[in-house]
Amino acid sequence: MDPLVEPGPPLTPEQVERSSRHLLLPGIGDAGQRRLRNARVGVVGAGGLGAPVLQYLAAAGIGTITVVDDDVVDASNLQRQVIHGVDDVGRPKVDSARDAIAAIDPSIDVRPVRTRLTSANVDAVLAGHDLVVDGTDNFPTRYLVDEACERLGLPLVWGSVLRFDAQVSVSWAAAGVTMRDLFPTPPVDGVSCAEAGVLGALCGQVGSVMATEVVKLLTGLGEPLLGRVLVIDALRGRWEQVPVRRRAGGGEPSVRSVGPAAPATRSIDVDTLARRLALRTDGRDRFELIDVREPAEAAAASIPGARLVPLAGVLDGSALTDLPRDREIVVHCAVGGRSAAAVEVLCAAGFEATNLEGGIRAWLAAGR
């Protein structure tokens, strides 16, 4: 793909010395390094993912970096947010990040923006950048940023980490893929790192991958993670990729999809599922009902006859060998977000899969 940024002015002697290892790389060299120096990158979140991203973008010589965060440094952040130190506890994260970037390269133009993004200000904050990085930890902000980037025509590098698992991808409406192609509706049942925990070192792995994607996009180097989600299972030491395709009605993506073409995602409501479960009991409807939530969630409430298959096993493929290919698979989670992602993977793998709209919450709300 073409580079996002034109080369800037000639490098100074100090910049040549600093970036000497980049200058040796085919595809970067002098022109690529000048592109990085000429780039304007917005980073949303100076936490677990934003910290390593900011460090490596600064080390790479990105000319202008905007840091967006409204939080202050807490002692519990230090386990993974390596851009902050003990002396920064209580300081705004954007100020701590600014100082850390300046310590790496004082010539970088760092623009701290201490604010919470809303629908009223997100376009103004992100406009004027060449690319945006999303290192936030909640779905409402992720979708807010993704939709703003779509309106502004900007590519978005995003990552997420929870416990021992992570995902990284690139969304870019102009190239045919947005976050809603992976998650059509924002899951409202997601848990945060504060609730579930996170392996600190995994944030460094993921942030480094995100920074690599930024460099690739800015310089036109290699193949970016467009139409693909990199799924990382730290405990098993596995890195897999999951294809992402334009959702039904969204047109054809301009990037080539990975793997065979998948049918449009199908869904059913809880009333239909109830009728079908009754028919299944009588042997008149053959299908498999799977629950892709975590074991603790299933222990609290479950749909009768559902088989527990946590989402991680679907995403990395380890659970697919135990699923039937001779009958339909109906998938549910808490509200429908994780199950929609599972259905995409199952369909891409050749299964006949259907999503339960509203998940178990809709099932319980209907008095089932």
Protein backbone atom coordinates (compact mmCIF):
# COMPACT_ATOMS: atom_id res chain seq x y z
CA MET A 1 0.00 0.00 0.00
CA ASP A 2 1.05 3.62 -0.47
CA PRO A 3 2.66 5.53 2.42
CA LEU A 4 0.30 7.74 4.41
CA VAL A 5 2.79 10.59 4.75
CA GLU A 6 5.08 12.44 2.38
CA PRO A 7 8.74 12.77 3.36
CA GLY A 8 9.55 15.83 5.45
CA PRO A 9 12.67 18.01 5.41
CA PRO A 10 16.15 16.47 5.32
CA LEU A 11 17.25 14.83 8.55
CA THR A 12 19.61 16.74 10.80
CA PRO A 13 22.94 15.10 11.72
CA GLU A 14 21.56 14.32 15.17
CA GLN A 15 18.46 12.68 13.63
CA VAL A 16 20.62 10.65 11.26
CA GLU A 17 22.65 9.32 14.18
CA ARG A 18 19.56 8.64 16.27
CA SER A 19 17.74 6.76 13.50
CA SER A 20 20.76 5.00 12.00
CA ARG A 21 19.29 1.50 12.46
CA HIS A 22 16.09 2.55 10.67
CA LEU A 23 18.11 4.04 7.82
CA LEU A 24 19.63 0.61 7.15
CA LEU A 25 16.21 -1.04 6.68
CA PRO A 26 14.88 -1.67 3.15
CA GLY A 27 11.52 0.10 2.88
CA ILE A 28 12.37 2.74 5.47
CA GLY A 29 15.73 4.32 4.76
CA ASP A 30 16.09 8.07 4.52
CA ALA A 31 12.72 8.71 2.85
CA GLY A 32 10.85 6.53 5.32
CA GLN A 33 12.47 8.15 8.33
CA ARG A 34 11.59 11.57 6.95
CA ARG A 35 7.99 10.37 6.59
CA LEU A 36 7.99 9.39 10.27
CA ARG A 37 9.40 12.79 11.22
CA ASN A 38 6.66 14.44 9.15
CA ALA A 39 3.84 12.32 10.66
CA ARG A 40 1.14 13.42 13.08
CA VAL A 41 -0.17 10.56 15.22
CA GLY A 42 -2.93 10.76 17.80
CA VAL A 43 -2.79 8.24 20.66
CA VAL A 44 -5.96 7.80 22.68
CA GLY A 45 -5.09 6.40 26.10
CA ALA A 46 -1.80 6.63 27.99
CA GLY A 47 -2.38 3.42 29.96
CA GLY A 48 -1.35 -0.21 29.55
CA LEU A 49 -1.29 -0.15 25.74
CA GLY A 50 -0.71 3.54 25.20
CA ALA A 51 2.44 3.46 27.33
CA PRO A 52 4.53 1.11 25.14
CA VAL A 53 3.00 2.57 21.97
CA LEU A 54 4.09 6.07 22.99
CA GLN A 55 7.58 4.91 23.92
CA TYR A 56 8.19 3.18 20.60
CA LEU A 57 6.60 5.94 18.53
CA ALA A 58 8.90 8.40 20.26
CA ALA A 59 11.90 6.15 19.70
CA ALA A 60 10.88 5.75 16.05
CA GLY A 61 11.01 9.53 15.60
CA ILE A 62 7.35 10.36 14.97
CA GLY A 63 7.40 14.14 14.57
CA THR A 64 4.11 15.05 16.27
CA ILE A 65 2.35 12.95 18.90
CA THR A 66 -0.95 13.91 20.53
CA VAL A 67 -1.67 12.12 23.82
CA VAL A 68 -5.35 12.00 24.83
CA ASP A 69 -6.29 10.87 28.34
CA ASP A 70 -8.28 12.35 31.23
CA ASP A 71 -6.97 10.09 34.01
CA VAL A 72 -4.25 10.47 36.64
CA VAL A 73 -1.53 7.97 37.45
CA ASP A 74 -2.43 5.48 40.18
CA ALA A 75 -0.05 3.12 41.96
CA SER A 76 -1.98 0.16 40.51
CA ASN A 77 -1.07 1.39 36.99
CA LEU A 78 2.67 0.87 37.47
CA GLN A 79 2.44 -2.92 37.00
CA ARG A 80 1.94 -2.41 33.25
CA GLN A 81 1.88 1.32 32.33
CA VAL A 82 5.63 1.57 31.98
CA ILE A 83 5.72 5.16 30.75
CA HIS A 84 4.84 6.28 34.30
CA GLY A 85 6.91 5.95 37.47
CA VAL A 86 6.45 6.15 41.23
CA ASP A 87 7.02 9.91 41.23
CA ASP A 88 4.18 10.32 38.72
CA VAL A 89 1.45 8.90 40.98
CA GLY A 90 -1.28 11.52 41.22
CA ARG A 91 -0.14 13.39 38.09
CA PRO A 92 -2.23 13.59 34.92
CA LYS A 93 -1.17 10.78 32.62
CA VAL A 94 -0.81 13.13 29.68
CA ASP A 95 1.77 15.18 31.60
CA SER A 96 3.72 12.11 32.68
CA ALA A 97 3.63 10.77 29.11
CA ARG A 98 4.79 14.12 27.73
CA ASP A 99 7.81 14.13 30.02
CA ALA A 100 8.66 10.51 29.20
CA ILE A 101 8.53 11.19 25.47
CA ALA A 102 10.71 14.28 25.90
CA ALA A 103 13.24 12.15 27.78
CA ILE A 104 13.46 9.86 24.74
CA ASP A 105 13.53 12.59 22.08
CA PRO A 106 13.09 16.25 23.09
CA SER A 107 12.66 17.31 19.46
CA ILE A 108 9.25 15.59 19.20
CA ASP A 109 6.24 17.89 19.31
CA VAL A 110 4.12 16.35 22.10
CA ARG A 111 0.58 17.66 22.47
CA PRO A 112 -1.10 16.54 25.72
CA VAL A 113 -4.91 16.68 25.66
CA ARG A 114 -6.39 16.00 29.07
CA THR A 115 -10.02 15.34 28.25
CA ARG A 116 -12.58 12.57 28.09
CA LEU A 117 -13.64 12.02 24.52
CA THR A 118 -17.34 12.51 23.80
CA SER A 119 -19.46 12.70 20.67
CA ALA A 120 -19.23 16.49 20.98
CA ASN A 121 -15.43 16.77 20.96
CA VAL A 122 -13.99 13.62 19.38
CA ASP A 123 -13.86 14.90 15.81
CA ALA A 124 -12.14 18.12 16.83
CA VAL A 125 -9.56 16.27 18.94
CA LEU A 126 -8.67 13.69 16.27
CA ALA A 127 -8.87 15.88 13.16
CA GLY A 128 -5.58 16.91 11.61
CA HIS A 129 -3.75 13.65 12.31
CA ASP A 130 -2.47 11.18 9.75
CA LEU A 131 -3.37 8.17 11.87
CA VAL A 132 -4.95 7.38 15.25
CA VAL A 133 -4.00 4.72 17.80
CA ASP A 134 -6.66 3.45 20.23
CA GLY A 135 -5.27 2.08 23.48
CA THR A 136 -8.44 2.55 25.54
CA ASP A 137 -10.02 -0.07 27.77
CA ASN A 138 -13.76 0.24 27.16
CA PHE A 139 -16.08 -0.39 24.23
CA PRO A 140 -18.02 2.91 24.27
CA THR A 141 -14.81 4.88 23.71
CA ARG A 142 -13.54 2.38 21.15
CA TYR A 143 -16.66 2.79 19.04
CA LEU A 144 -16.62 6.55 19.51
CA VAL A 145 -13.04 6.69 18.19
CA ASP A 146 -13.68 4.17 15.40
CA GLU A 147 -16.70 6.08 14.11
CA ALA A 148 -14.86 9.42 14.32
CA CYS A 149 -11.98 7.98 12.30
CA GLU A 150 -14.47 6.74 9.71
CA ARG A 151 -15.93 10.24 9.40
CA LEU A 152 -12.47 11.81 9.22
CA GLY A 153 -11.08 9.22 6.80
CA LEU A 154 -8.31 8.17 9.19
CA PRO A 155 -6.82 4.69 9.68
CA LEU A 156 -7.10 3.40 13.24
CA VAL A 157 -4.68 0.99 14.90
CA TRP A 158 -6.31 -0.64 17.92
CA GLY A 159 -5.48 -3.25 20.51
CA SER A 160 -7.09 -4.83 23.55
CA VAL A 161 -5.75 -6.90 26.43
CA LEU A 162 -7.55 -8.83 29.17
CA ARG A 163 -6.04 -11.38 31.52
CA PHE A 164 -3.69 -13.43 29.28
CA ASP A 165 -5.32 -12.72 25.90
CA ALA A 166 -5.05 -9.88 23.43
CA GLN A 167 -6.12 -8.67 20.01
CA VAL A 168 -4.59 -6.19 17.54
CA SER A 169 -5.96 -4.94 14.23
CA VAL A 170 -6.31 -1.96 11.90
CA SER A 171 -9.66 -0.39 11.05
CA TRP A 172 -9.94 1.88 8.04
CA ALA A 173 -13.25 2.57 6.34
CA ALA A 174 -11.48 3.68 3.16
CA ALA A 175 -9.86 0.25 2.94
CA GLY A 176 -13.12 -1.56 3.65
CA VAL A 177 -12.96 -2.59 7.34
CA THR A 178 -14.25 -0.96 10.54
CA MET A 179 -14.71 -2.21 14.08
CA ARG A 180 -18.40 -2.91 13.47
CA ASP A 181 -17.41 -5.56 10.95
CA LEU A 182 -15.91 -7.48 13.88
CA PHE A 183 -18.35 -6.39 16.60
CA PRO A 184 -21.59 -5.15 14.95
CA THR A 185 -22.87 -3.80 18.25
CA PRO A 186 -20.82 -2.70 21.27
CA PRO A 187 -20.81 -5.44 23.92
CA VAL A 188 -22.12 -4.01 27.18
CA ASP A 189 -21.11 -6.96 29.33
CA GLY A 190 -17.35 -6.63 28.95
CA VAL A 191 -15.16 -6.61 32.03
CA SER A 192 -12.21 -4.30 32.58
CA CYS A 193 -8.65 -5.02 33.66
CA ALA A 194 -9.58 -3.73 37.11
CA GLU A 195 -12.21 -6.46 37.35
CA ALA A 196 -10.44 -9.35 35.63
CA GLY A 197 -6.72 -8.57 35.82
CA VAL A 198 -4.12 -8.36 33.07
CA LEU A 199 -0.60 -9.68 32.56
CA GLY A 200 1.55 -6.56 32.51
CA ALA A 201 4.18 -7.88 30.09
CA LEU A 202 1.46 -8.74 27.57
CA CYS A 203 0.68 -5.02 27.29
CA GLY A 204 4.24 -4.51 26.13
CA GLN A 205 3.91 -7.21 23.47
CA VAL A 206 0.69 -5.78 22.13
CA GLY A 207 1.82 -2.17 22.29
CA SER A 208 4.94 -3.06 20.31
CA VAL A 209 2.82 -4.71 17.61
CA MET A 210 0.58 -1.64 17.48
CA ALA A 211 3.58 0.66 17.12
CA THR A 212 4.89 -1.57 14.32
CA GLU A 213 1.57 -1.22 12.49
CA VAL A 214 1.82 2.56 12.81
CA VAL A 215 5.30 2.59 11.26
CA LYS A 216 4.15 0.29 8.44
CA LEU A 217 1.16 2.44 7.58
CA LEU A 218 3.05 5.72 7.68
CA THR A 219 5.88 4.45 5.48
CA GLY A 220 3.95 2.05 3.23
CA LEU A 221 6.00 -0.87 4.50
CA GLY A 222 4.72 -4.49 4.40
CA GLU A 223 1.14 -5.66 4.87
CA PRO A 224 -0.87 -3.94 7.61
CA LEU A 225 -3.42 -5.82 9.73
CA LEU A 226 -6.33 -4.76 7.53
CA GLY A 227 -9.03 -7.42 7.29
CA ARG A 228 -7.24 -9.45 9.96
CA VAL A 229 -7.27 -9.53 13.75
CA LEU A 230 -4.13 -10.81 15.42
CA VAL A 231 -5.19 -12.91 18.43
CA ILE A 232 -2.57 -13.56 21.10
CA ASP A 233 -2.83 -16.32 23.71
CA ALA A 234 0.03 -15.58 26.09
CA LEU A 235 -0.37 -18.72 28.20
CA ARG A 236 -0.15 -21.05 25.21
CA GLY A 237 2.39 -18.91 23.41
CA ARG A 238 0.20 -18.79 20.30
CA TRP A 239 -0.38 -16.01 17.80
CA GLU A 240 -3.26 -16.59 15.40
CA GLN A 241 -5.15 -14.43 12.92
CA VAL A 242 -8.89 -14.18 12.38
CA PRO A 243 -10.34 -12.79 9.13
CA VAL A 244 -12.64 -9.77 9.24
CA ARG A 245 -15.07 -9.09 6.40
CA ARG A 246 -17.44 -6.30 5.57
CA ARG A 247 -20.70 -6.96 7.42
CA ALA A 248 -23.85 -7.67 5.40
CA GLY A 249 -25.12 -4.56 3.63
CA GLY A 250 -21.82 -2.75 4.08
CA GLY A 251 -20.44 -3.34 0.60
CA GLU A 252 -17.34 -5.21 -0.43
CA PRO A 253 -14.04 -4.54 1.33
CA SER A 254 -11.23 -3.31 -0.88
CA VAL A 255 -8.71 -5.44 0.99
CA ARG A 256 -8.50 -9.13 0.26
CA SER A 257 -10.16 -11.25 2.92
CA VAL A 258 -8.19 -14.05 4.55
CA GLY A 259 -9.61 -17.53 4.05
CA PRO A 260 -12.81 -18.65 2.30
CA ALA A 261 -15.77 -16.34 1.87
CA ALA A 262 -18.24 -16.47 4.74
CA PRO A 263 -22.02 -16.07 4.53
CA ALA A 264 -23.75 -13.13 6.16
CA THR A 265 -24.17 -13.57 9.90
CA ARG A 266 -27.53 -15.08 10.80
CA SER A 267 -29.37 -14.46 14.05
CA ILE A 268 -32.46 -15.57 15.95
CA ASP A 269 -34.36 -14.09 18.89
CA VAL A 270 -35.04 -15.72 22.24
CA ASP A 271 -38.63 -16.66 21.38
CA THR A 272 -37.46 -18.55 18.33
CA LEU A 273 -34.76 -20.27 20.35
CA ALA A 274 -37.30 -21.33 22.98
CA ARG A 275 -39.51 -22.90 20.30
CA ARG A 276 -36.55 -24.62 18.71
CA LEU A 277 -35.34 -25.98 22.06
CA ALA A 278 -38.75 -27.55 22.58
CA LEU A 279 -38.52 -29.14 19.14
CA ARG A 280 -34.98 -30.30 19.88
CA THR A 281 -36.22 -32.07 23.00
CA ASP A 282 -38.68 -33.95 20.81
CA GLY A 283 -35.98 -34.71 18.26
CA ARG A 284 -37.61 -32.58 15.56
CA ASP A 285 -34.87 -29.93 15.41
CA ARG A 286 -31.19 -30.86 15.45
CA PHE A 287 -28.80 -28.08 16.45
CA GLU A 288 -26.01 -27.42 18.92
CA LEU A 289 -26.36 -24.58 21.43
CA ILE A 290 -23.05 -23.22 22.70
CA ASP A 291 -22.27 -20.57 25.30
CA VAL A 292 -19.07 -18.58 24.64
CA ARG A 293 -18.96 -16.83 28.03
CA GLU A 294 -16.51 -17.64 30.81
CA PRO A 295 -17.16 -20.49 33.28
CA ALA A 296 -17.97 -18.12 36.17
CA GLU A 297 -20.65 -16.42 34.06
CA ALA A 298 -22.19 -19.75 33.07
CA ALA A 299 -22.24 -20.87 36.68
CA ALA A 300 -24.32 -17.83 37.62
CA ALA A 301 -26.96 -18.37 34.91
CA SER A 302 -27.28 -20.55 31.82
CA ILE A 303 -29.71 -21.54 29.10
CA PRO A 304 -30.81 -25.18 29.49
CA GLY A 305 -28.99 -27.45 27.10
CA ALA A 306 -26.20 -24.99 26.31
CA ARG A 307 -22.66 -26.29 26.07
CA LEU A 308 -19.89 -24.05 27.45
CA VAL A 309 -17.24 -23.19 24.84
CA PRO A 310 -15.39 -20.00 25.95
CA LEU A 311 -14.74 -17.52 23.18
CA ALA A 312 -10.94 -17.75 23.38
CA GLY A 313 -11.09 -21.36 22.20
CA VAL A 314 -13.20 -20.36 19.21
CA LEU A 315 -10.93 -17.45 18.26
CA ASP A 316 -7.72 -19.47 18.43
CA GLY A 317 -9.33 -22.51 16.79
CA SER A 318 -8.62 -24.95 19.62
CA ALA A 319 -12.33 -25.59 20.29
CA LEU A 320 -13.38 -26.11 16.67
CA THR A 321 -12.44 -29.79 16.46
CA ASP A 322 -15.08 -30.64 19.10
CA LEU A 323 -17.93 -28.83 17.35
CA PRO A 324 -20.31 -30.65 14.97
CA ARG A 325 -20.26 -29.92 11.26
CA ASP A 326 -23.39 -31.91 10.46
CA ARG A 327 -25.85 -29.52 12.11
CA GLU A 328 -26.38 -25.85 12.88
CA ILE A 329 -24.60 -24.23 15.82
CA VAL A 330 -26.50 -21.54 17.74
CA VAL A 331 -24.14 -19.31 19.74
CA HIS A 332 -24.93 -17.12 22.73
CA CYS A 333 -23.07 -14.98 25.24
CA ALA A 334 -24.34 -12.36 27.69
CA VAL A 335 -25.77 -9.79 25.27
CA GLY A 336 -24.70 -10.85 21.78
CA GLY A 337 -21.32 -9.18 21.15
CA ARG A 338 -18.95 -12.06 21.83
CA SER A 339 -21.29 -14.55 20.19
CA ALA A 340 -21.39 -12.42 17.01
CA ALA A 341 -17.59 -12.56 16.86
CA ALA A 342 -17.71 -16.34 17.38
CA VAL A 343 -20.27 -16.75 14.59
CA GLU A 344 -17.98 -14.86 12.20
CA VAL A 345 -15.10 -17.22 12.99
CA LEU A 346 -17.27 -20.34 12.78
CA CYS A 347 -18.76 -19.34 9.43
CA ALA A 348 -15.30 -18.57 8.08
CA ALA A 349 -14.25 -22.08 9.17
CA GLY A 350 -17.15 -23.65 7.27
CA PHE A 351 -19.63 -24.19 10.11
CA GLU A 352 -23.32 -23.28 9.91
CA ALA A 353 -23.65 -20.82 12.80
CA THR A 354 -26.34 -18.49 14.12
CA ASN A 355 -26.16 -15.75 16.75
CA LEU A 356 -28.69 -15.37 19.58
CA GLU A 357 -29.79 -11.73 19.65
CA GLY A 358 -29.48 -10.16 23.09
CA GLY A 359 -27.81 -13.23 24.59
CA ILE A 360 -28.77 -14.70 27.93
CA ARG A 361 -29.86 -11.31 29.26
CA ALA A 362 -32.64 -11.21 26.66
CA TRP A 363 -33.46 -14.82 27.53
CA LEU A 364 -33.81 -14.02 31.25
CA ALA A 365 -35.65 -10.76 30.57
CA ALA A 366 -38.25 -12.72 28.61
CA GLY A 367 -38.86 -14.89 31.67
CA ARG A 368 -37.34 -18.00 30.19
